[in-house]
Amino acid sequence: MVFFSDRFSVCNGVKQGGVLSPVLFCVYVDGLLQRLASSKIGCNFGMIYLRVLAYADDIVLLAPTASAMRMLLSVCDDYANEHHIVFNAKKSKCMYCPPHKYRPWFRAGTPYFKLGVTLWNM
């Protein structure tokens, strides 16, 4: 037999460095990870296909193109708005590796990425 409590709001984050913090964070963002996985956007590394990596409170998005990365960031944005999550833009990084043949002169077409109100210009 299964019993459920009444719903209640959680208005605080988890304690930094707390033993349960990584587990609670994973439970909280599991829906985001499922959405990102169902987006079918990712990168092939040999025989391995990766979309998203997550550990503790870190999330790594992998996309084959700048437009695909924008789609993944849009999924994150939508989830954050629905679940009142704030991504820390000061701790967020973005790395873009264009195909090798474009690297020497690639500055003319550098992409931009946005999460929430933060804009990264490469």
PDB file of N, CA and C in Angstrom:
ATOM      1  N   MET A   1       0.834  -1.170   0.000  1.00  0.00           N
ATOM      2  CA  MET A   1       0.000   0.000   0.000  1.00  0.00           C
ATOM      3  C   MET A   1       0.889   1.247   0.000  1.00  0.00           C
ATOM      4  N   VAL A   2       0.527   2.237  -0.792  1.00  0.00           N
ATOM      5  CA  VAL A   2       1.324   3.456  -0.911  1.00  0.00           C
ATOM      6  C   VAL A   2       0.530   4.638  -0.367  1.00  0.00           C
ATOM      7  N   PHE A   3       1.187   5.471   0.425  1.00  0.00           N
ATOM      8  CA  PHE A   3       0.558   6.658   0.982  1.00  0.00           C
ATOM      9  C   PHE A   3       1.345   7.886   0.566  1.00  0.00           C
ATOM     10  N   PHE A   4       0.664   8.970   0.295  1.00  0.00           N
ATOM     11  CA  PHE A   4       1.299  10.227  -0.085  1.00  0.00           C
ATOM     12  C   PHE A   4       0.892  11.319   0.894  1.00  0.00           C
ATOM     13  N   SER A   5       1.803  12.213   1.191  1.00  0.00           N
ATOM     14  CA  SER A   5       1.475  13.357   2.045  1.00  0.00           C
ATOM     15  C   SER A   5       0.832  14.436   1.189  1.00  0.00           C
ATOM     16  N   ASP A   6       0.329  15.472   1.830  1.00  0.00           N
ATOM     17  CA  ASP A   6      -0.145  16.638   1.099  1.00  0.00           C
ATOM     18  C   ASP A   6       1.054  17.326   0.471  1.00  0.00           C
ATOM     19  N   ARG A   7       0.830  18.051  -0.616  1.00  0.00           N
ATOM     20  CA  ARG A   7       1.905  18.815  -1.248  1.00  0.00           C
ATOM     21  C   ARG A   7       2.295  19.991  -0.376  1.00  0.00           C
ATOM     22  N   PHE A   8       3.560  20.367  -0.455  1.00  0.00           N
ATOM     23  CA  PHE A   8       4.033  21.541   0.273  1.00  0.00           C
ATOM     24  C   PHE A   8       5.150  22.190  -0.514  1.00  0.00           C
ATOM     25  N   SER A   9       5.328  23.485  -0.326  1.00  0.00           N
ATOM     26  CA  SER A   9       6.356  24.237  -1.045  1.00  0.00           C
ATOM     27  C   SER A   9       7.699  24.127  -0.349  1.00  0.00           C
ATOM     28  N   VAL A  10       8.739  24.036  -1.140  1.00  0.00           N
ATOM     29  CA  VAL A  10      10.103  24.088  -0.628  1.00  0.00           C
ATOM     30  C   VAL A  10      10.678  25.401  -1.128  1.00  0.00           C
ATOM     31  N   CYS A  11      10.978  26.299  -0.219  1.00  0.00           N
ATOM     32  CA  CYS A  11      11.389  27.645  -0.605  1.00  0.00           C
ATOM     33  C   CYS A  11      12.894  27.885  -0.437  1.00  0.00           C
ATOM     34  N   ASN A  12      13.634  26.893  -0.003  1.00  0.00           N
ATOM     35  CA  ASN A  12      15.069  27.041   0.195  1.00  0.00           C
ATOM     36  C   ASN A  12      15.813  26.063  -0.688  1.00  0.00           C
ATOM     37  N   GLY A  13      17.069  26.374  -0.947  1.00  0.00           N
ATOM     38  CA  GLY A  13      17.916  25.447  -1.676  1.00  0.00           C
ATOM     39  C   GLY A  13      18.476  24.406  -0.729  1.00  0.00           C
ATOM     40  N   VAL A  14      19.436  23.649  -1.215  1.00  0.00           N
ATOM     41  CA  VAL A  14      20.086  22.657  -0.371  1.00  0.00           C
ATOM     42  C   VAL A  14      21.381  23.225   0.178  1.00  0.00           C
ATOM     43  N   LYS A  15      21.817  22.700   1.299  1.00  0.00           N
ATOM     44  CA  LYS A  15      23.020  23.184   1.973  1.00  0.00           C
ATOM     45  C   LYS A  15      24.256  22.856   1.134  1.00  0.00           C
ATOM     46  N   GLN A  16      25.095  23.851   0.898  1.00  0.00           N
ATOM     47  CA  GLN A  16      26.336  23.650   0.158  1.00  0.00           C
ATOM     48  C   GLN A  16      27.228  22.696   0.942  1.00  0.00           C
ATOM     49  N   GLY A  17      27.645  21.611   0.321  1.00  0.00           N
ATOM     50  CA  GLY A  17      28.517  20.646   0.979  1.00  0.00           C
ATOM     51  C   GLY A  17      27.785  19.645   1.849  1.00  0.00           C
ATOM     52  N   GLY A  18      26.471  19.722   1.906  1.00  0.00           N
ATOM     53  CA  GLY A  18      25.697  18.779   2.710  1.00  0.00           C
ATOM     54  C   GLY A  18      25.734  17.379   2.103  1.00  0.00           C
ATOM     55  N   VAL A  19      25.656  16.368   2.946  1.00  0.00           N
ATOM     56  CA  VAL A  19      25.734  14.984   2.493  1.00  0.00           C
ATOM     57  C   VAL A  19      24.593  14.653   1.536  1.00  0.00           C
ATOM     58  N   LEU A  20      23.406  15.148   1.816  1.00  0.00           N
ATOM     59  CA  LEU A  20      22.247  14.842   0.965  1.00  0.00           C
ATOM     60  C   LEU A  20      22.100  15.785  -0.226  1.00  0.00           C
ATOM     61  N   SER A  21      22.848  16.862  -0.253  1.00  0.00           N
ATOM     62  CA  SER A  21      22.672  17.868  -1.301  1.00  0.00           C
ATOM     63  C   SER A  21      22.756  17.308  -2.717  1.00  0.00           C
ATOM     64  N   PRO A  22      23.792  16.514  -3.070  1.00  0.00           N
ATOM     65  CA  PRO A  22      23.841  15.981  -4.440  1.00  0.00           C
ATOM     66  C   PRO A  22      22.654  15.093  -4.776  1.00  0.00           C
ATOM     67  N   VAL A  23      22.203  14.294  -3.810  1.00  0.00           N
ATOM     68  CA  VAL A  23      21.066  13.402  -4.055  1.00  0.00           C
ATOM     69  C   VAL A  23      19.795  14.213  -4.262  1.00  0.00           C
ATOM     70  N   LEU A  24      19.563  15.195  -3.392  1.00  0.00           N
ATOM     71  CA  LEU A  24      18.366  16.028  -3.524  1.00  0.00           C
ATOM     72  C   LEU A  24      18.378  16.821  -4.820  1.00  0.00           C
ATOM     73  N   PHE A  25      19.548  17.331  -5.200  1.00  0.00           N
ATOM     74  CA  PHE A  25      19.658  18.061  -6.464  1.00  0.00           C
ATOM     75  C   PHE A  25      19.307  17.141  -7.632  1.00  0.00           C
ATOM     76  N   CYS A  26      19.819  15.919  -7.622  1.00  0.00           N
ATOM     77  CA  CYS A  26      19.527  14.974  -8.706  1.00  0.00           C
ATOM     78  C   CYS A  26      18.047  14.647  -8.791  1.00  0.00           C
ATOM     79  N   VAL A  27      17.410  14.498  -7.647  1.00  0.00           N
ATOM     80  CA  VAL A  27      15.964  14.252  -7.638  1.00  0.00           C
ATOM     81  C   VAL A  27      15.236  15.451  -8.235  1.00  0.00           C
ATOM     82  N   TYR A  28      15.696  16.648  -7.877  1.00  0.00           N
ATOM     83  CA  TYR A  28      15.030  17.872  -8.322  1.00  0.00           C
ATOM     84  C   TYR A  28      15.194  18.106  -9.820  1.00  0.00           C
ATOM     85  N   VAL A  29      16.362  17.779 -10.375  1.00  0.00           N
ATOM     86  CA  VAL A  29      16.587  18.043 -11.795  1.00  0.00           C
ATOM     87  C   VAL A  29      16.416  16.807 -12.672  1.00  0.00           C
ATOM     88  N   ASP A  30      15.943  15.705 -12.106  1.00  0.00           N
ATOM     89  CA  ASP A  30      15.749  14.500 -12.907  1.00  0.00           C
ATOM     90  C   ASP A  30      14.827  14.766 -14.095  1.00  0.00           C
ATOM     91  N   GLY A  31      13.788  15.545 -13.890  1.00  0.00           N
ATOM     92  CA  GLY A  31      12.880  15.892 -14.989  1.00  0.00           C
ATOM     93  C   GLY A  31      13.597  16.640 -16.099  1.00  0.00           C
ATOM     94  N   LEU A  32      14.514  17.540 -15.738  1.00  0.00           N
ATOM     95  CA  LEU A  32      15.303  18.267 -16.742  1.00  0.00           C
ATOM     96  C   LEU A  32      16.177  17.297 -17.526  1.00  0.00           C
ATOM     97  N   LEU A  33      16.837  16.393 -16.830  1.00  0.00           N
ATOM     98  CA  LEU A  33      17.701  15.425 -17.510  1.00  0.00           C
ATOM     99  C   LEU A  33      16.896  14.541 -18.454  1.00  0.00           C
ATOM    100  N   GLN A  34      15.685  14.174 -18.050  1.00  0.00           N
ATOM    101  CA  GLN A  34      14.827  13.372 -18.924  1.00  0.00           C
ATOM    102  C   GLN A  34      14.412  14.163 -20.160  1.00  0.00           C
ATOM    103  N   ARG A  35      14.082  15.440 -19.980  1.00  0.00           N
ATOM    104  CA  ARG A  35      13.715  16.278 -21.139  1.00  0.00           C
ATOM    105  C   ARG A  35      14.884  16.439 -22.093  1.00  0.00           C
ATOM    106  N   LEU A  36      16.066  16.678 -21.542  1.00  0.00           N
ATOM    107  CA  LEU A  36      17.244  16.830 -22.390  1.00  0.00           C
ATOM    108  C   LEU A  36      17.534  15.539 -23.154  1.00  0.00           C
ATOM    109  N   ALA A  37      17.386  14.405 -22.483  1.00  0.00           N
ATOM    110  CA  ALA A  37      17.617  13.118 -23.140  1.00  0.00           C
ATOM    111  C   ALA A  37      16.584  12.858 -24.231  1.00  0.00           C
ATOM    112  N   SER A  38      15.345  13.255 -23.987  1.00  0.00           N
ATOM    113  CA  SER A  38      14.300  13.018 -24.988  1.00  0.00           C
ATOM    114  C   SER A  38      14.378  13.983 -26.159  1.00  0.00           C
ATOM    115  N   SER A  39      15.216  15.008 -26.057  1.00  0.00           N
ATOM    116  CA  SER A  39      15.365  15.964 -27.165  1.00  0.00           C
ATOM    117  C   SER A  39      16.070  15.346 -28.361  1.00  0.00           C
ATOM    118  N   LYS A  40      16.752  14.215 -28.149  1.00  0.00           N
ATOM    119  CA  LYS A  40      17.465  13.501 -29.212  1.00  0.00           C
ATOM    120  C   LYS A  40      18.605  14.326 -29.807  1.00  0.00           C
ATOM    121  N   ILE A  41      19.094  15.329 -29.078  1.00  0.00           N
ATOM    122  CA  ILE A  41      20.234  16.127 -29.523  1.00  0.00           C
ATOM    123  C   ILE A  41      21.444  15.683 -28.713  1.00  0.00           C
ATOM    124  N   GLY A  42      22.538  15.392 -29.384  1.00  0.00           N
ATOM    125  CA  GLY A  42      23.732  14.967 -28.680  1.00  0.00           C
ATOM    126  C   GLY A  42      24.891  14.770 -29.627  1.00  0.00           C
ATOM    127  N   CYS A  43      25.955  14.173 -29.117  1.00  0.00           N
ATOM    128  CA  CYS A  43      27.180  13.980 -29.895  1.00  0.00           C
ATOM    129  C   CYS A  43      27.604  12.517 -29.848  1.00  0.00           C
ATOM    130  N   ASN A  44      28.137  12.050 -30.963  1.00  0.00           N
ATOM    131  CA  ASN A  44      28.702  10.711 -31.032  1.00  0.00           C
ATOM    132  C   ASN A  44      30.181  10.764 -30.701  1.00  0.00           C
ATOM    133  N   PHE A  45      30.603   9.875 -29.825  1.00  0.00           N
ATOM    134  CA  PHE A  45      32.010   9.690 -29.496  1.00  0.00           C
ATOM    135  C   PHE A  45      32.308   8.214 -29.743  1.00  0.00           C
ATOM    136  N   GLY A  46      32.690   7.907 -30.953  1.00  0.00           N
ATOM    137  CA  GLY A  46      32.860   6.503 -31.322  1.00  0.00           C
ATOM    138  C   GLY A  46      31.503   5.820 -31.297  1.00  0.00           C
ATOM    139  N   MET A  47      31.381   4.808 -30.469  1.00  0.00           N
ATOM    140  CA  MET A  47      30.120   4.056 -30.362  1.00  0.00           C
ATOM    141  C   MET A  47      29.217   4.593 -29.257  1.00  0.00           C
ATOM    142  N   ILE A  48      29.633   5.659 -28.594  1.00  0.00           N
ATOM    143  CA  ILE A  48      28.865   6.218 -27.478  1.00  0.00           C
ATOM    144  C   ILE A  48      28.150   7.485 -27.943  1.00  0.00           C
ATOM    145  N   TYR A  49      26.867   7.593 -27.616  1.00  0.00           N
ATOM    146  CA  TYR A  49      26.067   8.769 -27.945  1.00  0.00           C
ATOM    147  C   TYR A  49      25.722   9.497 -26.651  1.00  0.00           C
ATOM    148  N   LEU A  50      26.193  10.726 -26.501  1.00  0.00           N
ATOM    149  CA  LEU A  50      25.970  11.496 -25.280  1.00  0.00           C
ATOM    150  C   LEU A  50      25.158  12.746 -25.560  1.00  0.00           C
ATOM    151  N   ARG A  51      24.243  13.059 -24.647  1.00  0.00           N
ATOM    152  CA  ARG A  51      23.441  14.279 -24.734  1.00  0.00           C
ATOM    153  C   ARG A  51      23.762  15.209 -23.576  1.00  0.00           C
ATOM    154  N   VAL A  52      23.770  14.631 -22.379  1.00  0.00           N
ATOM    155  CA  VAL A  52      23.939  15.441 -21.176  1.00  0.00           C
ATOM    156  C   VAL A  52      24.679  14.609 -20.130  1.00  0.00           C
ATOM    157  N   LEU A  53      25.567  15.281 -19.405  1.00  0.00           N
ATOM    158  CA  LEU A  53      26.265  14.660 -18.282  1.00  0.00           C
ATOM    159  C   LEU A  53      25.906  15.461 -17.039  1.00  0.00           C
ATOM    160  N   ALA A  54      25.685  14.788 -15.931  1.00  0.00           N
ATOM    161  CA  ALA A  54      25.349  15.488 -14.689  1.00  0.00           C
ATOM    162  C   ALA A  54      26.047  14.804 -13.528  1.00  0.00           C
ATOM    163  N   TYR A  55      26.609  15.621 -12.647  1.00  0.00           N
ATOM    164  CA  TYR A  55      27.233  15.111 -11.425  1.00  0.00           C
ATOM    165  C   TYR A  55      27.069  16.170 -10.351  1.00  0.00           C
ATOM    166  N   ALA A  56      26.550  15.758  -9.211  1.00  0.00           N
ATOM    167  CA  ALA A  56      26.282  16.685  -8.100  1.00  0.00           C
ATOM    168  C   ALA A  56      25.446  17.835  -8.640  1.00  0.00           C
ATOM    169  N   ASP A  57      25.958  19.078  -8.615  1.00  0.00           N
ATOM    170  CA  ASP A  57      25.163  20.206  -9.119  1.00  0.00           C
ATOM    171  C   ASP A  57      25.714  20.753 -10.426  1.00  0.00           C
ATOM    172  N   ASP A  58      26.447  19.932 -11.159  1.00  0.00           N
ATOM    173  CA  ASP A  58      26.997  20.341 -12.452  1.00  0.00           C
ATOM    174  C   ASP A  58      26.287  19.609 -13.580  1.00  0.00           C
ATOM    175  N   ILE A  59      25.996  20.346 -14.644  1.00  0.00           N
ATOM    176  CA  ILE A  59      25.358  19.770 -15.818  1.00  0.00           C
ATOM    177  C   ILE A  59      26.172  20.183 -17.030  1.00  0.00           C
ATOM    178  N   VAL A  60      26.494  19.217 -17.881  1.00  0.00           N
ATOM    179  CA  VAL A  60      27.239  19.473 -19.111  1.00  0.00           C
ATOM    180  C   VAL A  60      26.328  19.120 -20.277  1.00  0.00           C
ATOM    181  N   LEU A  61      26.117  20.075 -21.170  1.00  0.00           N
ATOM    182  CA  LEU A  61      25.317  19.843 -22.368  1.00  0.00           C
ATOM    183  C   LEU A  61      26.252  19.611 -23.545  1.00  0.00           C
ATOM    184  N   LEU A  62      25.934  18.633 -24.382  1.00  0.00           N
ATOM    185  CA  LEU A  62      26.749  18.308 -25.545  1.00  0.00           C
ATOM    186  C   LEU A  62      25.879  18.391 -26.789  1.00  0.00           C
ATOM    187  N   ALA A  63      26.333  19.161 -27.778  1.00  0.00           N
ATOM    188  CA  ALA A  63      25.564  19.324 -29.003  1.00  0.00           C
ATOM    189  C   ALA A  63      26.513  19.406 -30.193  1.00  0.00           C
ATOM    190  N   PRO A  64      26.094  18.904 -31.343  1.00  0.00           N
ATOM    191  CA  PRO A  64      26.962  18.890 -32.518  1.00  0.00           C
ATOM    192  C   PRO A  64      27.059  20.226 -33.253  1.00  0.00           C
ATOM    193  N   THR A  65      26.104  21.125 -33.030  1.00  0.00           N
ATOM    194  CA  THR A  65      26.111  22.420 -33.715  1.00  0.00           C
ATOM    195  C   THR A  65      25.677  23.514 -32.752  1.00  0.00           C
ATOM    196  N   ALA A  66      25.944  24.749 -33.135  1.00  0.00           N
ATOM    197  CA  ALA A  66      25.528  25.888 -32.310  1.00  0.00           C
ATOM    198  C   ALA A  66      24.000  25.943 -32.193  1.00  0.00           C
ATOM    199  N   SER A  67      23.293  25.668 -33.277  1.00  0.00           N
ATOM    200  CA  SER A  67      21.823  25.720 -33.212  1.00  0.00           C
ATOM    201  C   SER A  67      21.281  24.591 -32.335  1.00  0.00           C
ATOM    202  N   ALA A  68      21.918  23.435 -32.347  1.00  0.00           N
ATOM    203  CA  ALA A  68      21.496  22.344 -31.468  1.00  0.00           C
ATOM    204  C   ALA A  68      21.728  22.719 -30.011  1.00  0.00           C
ATOM    205  N   MET A  69      22.840  23.400 -29.722  1.00  0.00           N
ATOM    206  CA  MET A  69      23.106  23.850 -28.353  1.00  0.00           C
ATOM    207  C   MET A  69      22.046  24.847 -27.906  1.00  0.00           C
ATOM    208  N   ARG A  70      21.646  25.737 -28.810  1.00  0.00           N
ATOM    209  CA  ARG A  70      20.583  26.697 -28.475  1.00  0.00           C
ATOM    210  C   ARG A  70      19.286  25.973 -28.124  1.00  0.00           C
ATOM    211  N   MET A  71      19.002  24.875 -28.818  1.00  0.00           N
ATOM    212  CA  MET A  71      17.795  24.101 -28.514  1.00  0.00           C
ATOM    213  C   MET A  71      17.895  23.477 -27.122  1.00  0.00           C
ATOM    214  N   LEU A  72      19.047  22.929 -26.766  1.00  0.00           N
ATOM    215  CA  LEU A  72      19.230  22.352 -25.431  1.00  0.00           C
ATOM    216  C   LEU A  72      19.116  23.432 -24.356  1.00  0.00           C
ATOM    217  N   LEU A  73      19.701  24.599 -24.601  1.00  0.00           N
ATOM    218  CA  LEU A  73      19.594  25.700 -23.641  1.00  0.00           C
ATOM    219  C   LEU A  73      18.150  26.163 -23.493  1.00  0.00           C
ATOM    220  N   SER A  74      17.394  26.103 -24.573  1.00  0.00           N
ATOM    221  CA  SER A  74      15.973  26.463 -24.523  1.00  0.00           C
ATOM    222  C   SER A  74      15.200  25.468 -23.642  1.00  0.00           C
ATOM    223  N   VAL A  75      15.535  24.190 -23.740  1.00  0.00           N
ATOM    224  CA  VAL A  75      14.917  23.180 -22.877  1.00  0.00           C
ATOM    225  C   VAL A  75      15.219  23.502 -21.415  1.00  0.00           C
ATOM    226  N   CYS A  76      16.472  23.863 -21.134  1.00  0.00           N
ATOM    227  CA  CYS A  76      16.864  24.230 -19.766  1.00  0.00           C
ATOM    228  C   CYS A  76      16.109  25.465 -19.290  1.00  0.00           C
ATOM    229  N   ASP A  77      16.008  26.468 -20.162  1.00  0.00           N
ATOM    230  CA  ASP A  77      15.284  27.695 -19.835  1.00  0.00           C
ATOM    231  C   ASP A  77      13.822  27.414 -19.485  1.00  0.00           C
ATOM    232  N   ASP A  78      13.167  26.620 -20.314  1.00  0.00           N
ATOM    233  CA  ASP A  78      11.763  26.289 -20.075  1.00  0.00           C
ATOM    234  C   ASP A  78      11.588  25.551 -18.755  1.00  0.00           C
ATOM    235  N   TYR A  79      12.454  24.583 -18.506  1.00  0.00           N
ATOM    236  CA  TYR A  79      12.366  23.810 -17.255  1.00  0.00           C
ATOM    237  C   TYR A  79      12.615  24.714 -16.049  1.00  0.00           C
ATOM    238  N   ALA A  80      13.596  25.592 -16.157  1.00  0.00           N
ATOM    239  CA  ALA A  80      13.905  26.510 -15.057  1.00  0.00           C
ATOM    240  C   ALA A  80      12.717  27.415 -14.746  1.00  0.00           C
ATOM    241  N   ASN A  81      12.066  27.922 -15.771  1.00  0.00           N
ATOM    242  CA  ASN A  81      10.903  28.783 -15.563  1.00  0.00           C
ATOM    243  C   ASN A  81       9.745  28.024 -14.920  1.00  0.00           C
ATOM    244  N   GLU A  82       9.533  26.786 -15.349  1.00  0.00           N
ATOM    245  CA  GLU A  82       8.437  25.980 -14.803  1.00  0.00           C
ATOM    246  C   GLU A  82       8.679  25.585 -13.346  1.00  0.00           C
ATOM    247  N   HIS A  83       9.938  25.360 -12.987  1.00  0.00           N
ATOM    248  CA  HIS A  83      10.260  24.818 -11.659  1.00  0.00           C
ATOM    249  C   HIS A  83      11.009  25.806 -10.770  1.00  0.00           C
ATOM    250  N   HIS A  84      11.039  27.048 -11.177  1.00  0.00           N
ATOM    251  CA  HIS A  84      11.640  28.122 -10.382  1.00  0.00           C
ATOM    252  C   HIS A  84      13.100  27.831 -10.031  1.00  0.00           C
ATOM    253  N   ILE A  85      13.842  27.385 -11.032  1.00  0.00           N
ATOM    254  CA  ILE A  85      15.271  27.137 -10.882  1.00  0.00           C
ATOM    255  C   ILE A  85      16.018  28.321 -11.481  1.00  0.00           C
ATOM    256  N   VAL A  86      17.080  28.733 -10.826  1.00  0.00           N
ATOM    257  CA  VAL A  86      17.921  29.801 -11.360  1.00  0.00           C
ATOM    258  C   VAL A  86      19.298  29.217 -11.637  1.00  0.00           C
ATOM    259  N   PHE A  87      19.722  29.256 -12.886  1.00  0.00           N
ATOM    260  CA  PHE A  87      21.072  28.831 -13.230  1.00  0.00           C
ATOM    261  C   PHE A  87      22.016  29.985 -12.934  1.00  0.00           C
ATOM    262  N   ASN A  88      23.112  29.718 -12.278  1.00  0.00           N
ATOM    263  CA  ASN A  88      24.072  30.752 -11.921  1.00  0.00           C
ATOM    264  C   ASN A  88      24.930  31.084 -13.138  1.00  0.00           C
ATOM    265  N   ALA A  89      24.651  32.206 -13.768  1.00  0.00           N
ATOM    266  CA  ALA A  89      25.353  32.601 -14.982  1.00  0.00           C
ATOM    267  C   ALA A  89      26.833  32.874 -14.720  1.00  0.00           C
ATOM    268  N   LYS A  90      27.179  33.310 -13.523  1.00  0.00           N
ATOM    269  CA  LYS A  90      28.578  33.595 -13.219  1.00  0.00           C
ATOM    270  C   LYS A  90      29.408  32.318 -13.145  1.00  0.00           C
ATOM    271  N   LYS A  91      28.759  31.199 -12.862  1.00  0.00           N
ATOM    272  CA  LYS A  91      29.468  29.928 -12.795  1.00  0.00           C
ATOM    273  C   LYS A  91      29.332  29.126 -14.089  1.00  0.00           C
ATOM    274  N   SER A  92      28.545  29.612 -15.024  1.00  0.00           N
ATOM    275  CA  SER A  92      28.309  28.886 -16.267  1.00  0.00           C
ATOM    276  C   SER A  92      29.374  29.212 -17.293  1.00  0.00           C
ATOM    277  N   LYS A  93      29.783  28.210 -18.018  1.00  0.00           N
ATOM    278  CA  LYS A  93      30.792  28.372 -19.057  1.00  0.00           C
ATOM    279  C   LYS A  93      30.270  27.778 -20.346  1.00  0.00           C
ATOM    280  N   CYS A  94      30.802  28.270 -21.434  1.00  0.00           N
ATOM    281  CA  CYS A  94      30.417  27.768 -22.735  1.00  0.00           C
ATOM    282  C   CYS A  94      31.682  27.614 -23.574  1.00  0.00           C
ATOM    283  N   MET A  95      31.832  26.473 -24.194  1.00  0.00           N
ATOM    284  CA  MET A  95      32.976  26.228 -25.060  1.00  0.00           C
ATOM    285  C   MET A  95      32.452  25.728 -26.397  1.00  0.00           C
ATOM    286  N   TYR A  96      32.910  26.336 -27.459  1.00  0.00           N
ATOM    287  CA  TYR A  96      32.455  25.962 -28.784  1.00  0.00           C
ATOM    288  C   TYR A  96      33.672  25.572 -29.614  1.00  0.00           C
ATOM    289  N   CYS A  97      33.633  24.400 -30.219  1.00  0.00           N
ATOM    290  CA  CYS A  97      34.738  23.915 -31.048  1.00  0.00           C
ATOM    291  C   CYS A  97      34.223  23.716 -32.464  1.00  0.00           C
ATOM    292  N   PRO A  98      34.488  24.664 -33.351  1.00  0.00           N
ATOM    293  CA  PRO A  98      34.037  24.496 -34.741  1.00  0.00           C
ATOM    294  C   PRO A  98      34.851  23.393 -35.413  1.00  0.00           C
ATOM    295  N   PRO A  99      34.366  22.878 -36.536  1.00  0.00           N
ATOM    296  CA  PRO A  99      35.129  21.858 -37.258  1.00  0.00           C
ATOM    297  C   PRO A  99      36.540  22.359 -37.566  1.00  0.00           C
ATOM    298  N   HIS A 100      37.487  21.445 -37.569  1.00  0.00           N
ATOM    299  CA  HIS A 100      38.904  21.796 -37.714  1.00  0.00           C
ATOM    300  C   HIS A 100      39.179  22.678 -38.932  1.00  0.00           C
ATOM    301  N   LYS A 101      38.517  22.402 -40.057  1.00  0.00           N
ATOM    302  CA  LYS A 101      38.802  23.164 -41.275  1.00  0.00           C
ATOM    303  C   LYS A 101      38.393  24.639 -41.168  1.00  0.00           C
ATOM    304  N   TYR A 102      37.506  24.984 -40.212  1.00  0.00           N
ATOM    305  CA  TYR A 102      37.057  26.369 -40.067  1.00  0.00           C
ATOM    306  C   TYR A 102      37.827  27.148 -39.001  1.00  0.00           C
ATOM    307  N   ARG A 103      38.606  26.494 -38.179  1.00  0.00           N
ATOM    308  CA  ARG A 103      39.218  27.142 -37.020  1.00  0.00           C
ATOM    309  C   ARG A 103      40.127  28.319 -37.333  1.00  0.00           C
ATOM    310  N   PRO A 104      40.981  28.284 -38.329  1.00  0.00           N
ATOM    311  CA  PRO A 104      41.909  29.414 -38.518  1.00  0.00           C
ATOM    312  C   PRO A 104      41.210  30.755 -38.782  1.00  0.00           C
ATOM    313  N   TRP A 105      40.087  30.774 -39.421  1.00  0.00           N
ATOM    314  CA  TRP A 105      39.431  32.032 -39.791  1.00  0.00           C
ATOM    315  C   TRP A 105      38.001  32.117 -39.288  1.00  0.00           C
ATOM    316  N   PHE A 106      37.650  31.416 -38.251  1.00  0.00           N
ATOM    317  CA  PHE A 106      36.254  31.253 -37.857  1.00  0.00           C
ATOM    318  C   PHE A 106      35.635  32.477 -37.198  1.00  0.00           C
ATOM    319  N   ARG A 107      36.356  33.496 -36.823  1.00  0.00           N
ATOM    320  CA  ARG A 107      35.818  34.652 -36.089  1.00  0.00           C
ATOM    321  C   ARG A 107      34.612  35.310 -36.757  1.00  0.00           C
ATOM    322  N   ALA A 108      34.537  35.301 -38.053  1.00  0.00           N
ATOM    323  CA  ALA A 108      33.447  35.995 -38.750  1.00  0.00           C
ATOM    324  C   ALA A 108      32.077  35.414 -38.407  1.00  0.00           C
ATOM    325  N   GLY A 109      32.005  34.139 -38.094  1.00  0.00           N
ATOM    326  CA  GLY A 109      30.712  33.516 -37.842  1.00  0.00           C
ATOM    327  C   GLY A 109      30.554  33.001 -36.433  1.00  0.00           C
ATOM    328  N   THR A 110      31.145  33.675 -35.451  1.00  0.00           N
ATOM    329  CA  THR A 110      31.067  33.167 -34.087  1.00  0.00           C
ATOM    330  C   THR A 110      29.626  33.160 -33.580  1.00  0.00           C
ATOM    331  N   PRO A 111      29.218  32.056 -32.961  1.00  0.00           N
ATOM    332  CA  PRO A 111      27.839  31.933 -32.495  1.00  0.00           C
ATOM    333  C   PRO A 111      27.615  32.612 -31.150  1.00  0.00           C
ATOM    334  N   TYR A 112      26.375  32.764 -30.780  1.00  0.00           N
ATOM    335  CA  TYR A 112      26.012  33.276 -29.464  1.00  0.00           C
ATOM    336  C   TYR A 112      25.105  32.247 -28.796  1.00  0.00           C
ATOM    337  N   PHE A 113      25.121  32.235 -27.471  1.00  0.00           N
ATOM    338  CA  PHE A 113      24.277  31.334 -26.705  1.00  0.00           C
ATOM    339  C   PHE A 113      23.638  32.113 -25.580  1.00  0.00           C
ATOM    340  N   LYS A 114      22.403  31.744 -25.228  1.00  0.00           N
ATOM    341  CA  LYS A 114      21.667  32.479 -24.196  1.00  0.00           C
ATOM    342  C   LYS A 114      21.004  31.485 -23.251  1.00  0.00           C
ATOM    343  N   LEU A 115      21.101  31.784 -21.957  1.00  0.00           N
ATOM    344  CA  LEU A 115      20.394  31.010 -20.931  1.00  0.00           C
ATOM    345  C   LEU A 115      19.774  32.009 -19.997  1.00  0.00           C
ATOM    346  N   GLY A 116      18.441  32.030 -19.912  1.00  0.00           N
ATOM    347  CA  GLY A 116      17.781  33.074 -19.135  1.00  0.00           C
ATOM    348  C   GLY A 116      18.038  34.414 -19.793  1.00  0.00           C
ATOM    349  N   VAL A 117      18.627  35.313 -19.060  1.00  0.00           N
ATOM    350  CA  VAL A 117      18.940  36.637 -19.619  1.00  0.00           C
ATOM    351  C   VAL A 117      20.423  36.772 -19.925  1.00  0.00           C
ATOM    352  N   THR A 118      21.207  35.729 -19.676  1.00  0.00           N
ATOM    353  CA  THR A 118      22.641  35.779 -19.906  1.00  0.00           C
ATOM    354  C   THR A 118      22.954  35.415 -21.354  1.00  0.00           C
ATOM    355  N   LEU A 119      23.813  36.179 -21.971  1.00  0.00           N
ATOM    356  CA  LEU A 119      24.205  35.965 -23.357  1.00  0.00           C
ATOM    357  C   LEU A 119      25.699  35.716 -23.394  1.00  0.00           C
ATOM    358  N   TRP A 120      26.100  34.599 -24.019  1.00  0.00           N
ATOM    359  CA  TRP A 120      27.519  34.318 -24.233  1.00  0.00           C
ATOM    360  C   TRP A 120      27.831  34.560 -25.680  1.00  0.00           C
ATOM    361  N   ASN A 121      28.806  35.370 -25.949  1.00  0.00           N
ATOM    362  CA  ASN A 121      29.268  35.597 -27.308  1.00  0.00           C
ATOM    363  C   ASN A 121      30.635  34.963 -27.415  1.00  0.00           C
ATOM    364  N   MET A 122      30.806  34.071 -28.352  1.00  0.00           N
ATOM    365  CA  MET A 122      32.055  33.311 -28.426  1.00  0.00           C
ATOM    366  C   MET A 122      33.132  34.110 -29.073  1.00  0.00           C
TER     367      MET A 122
END
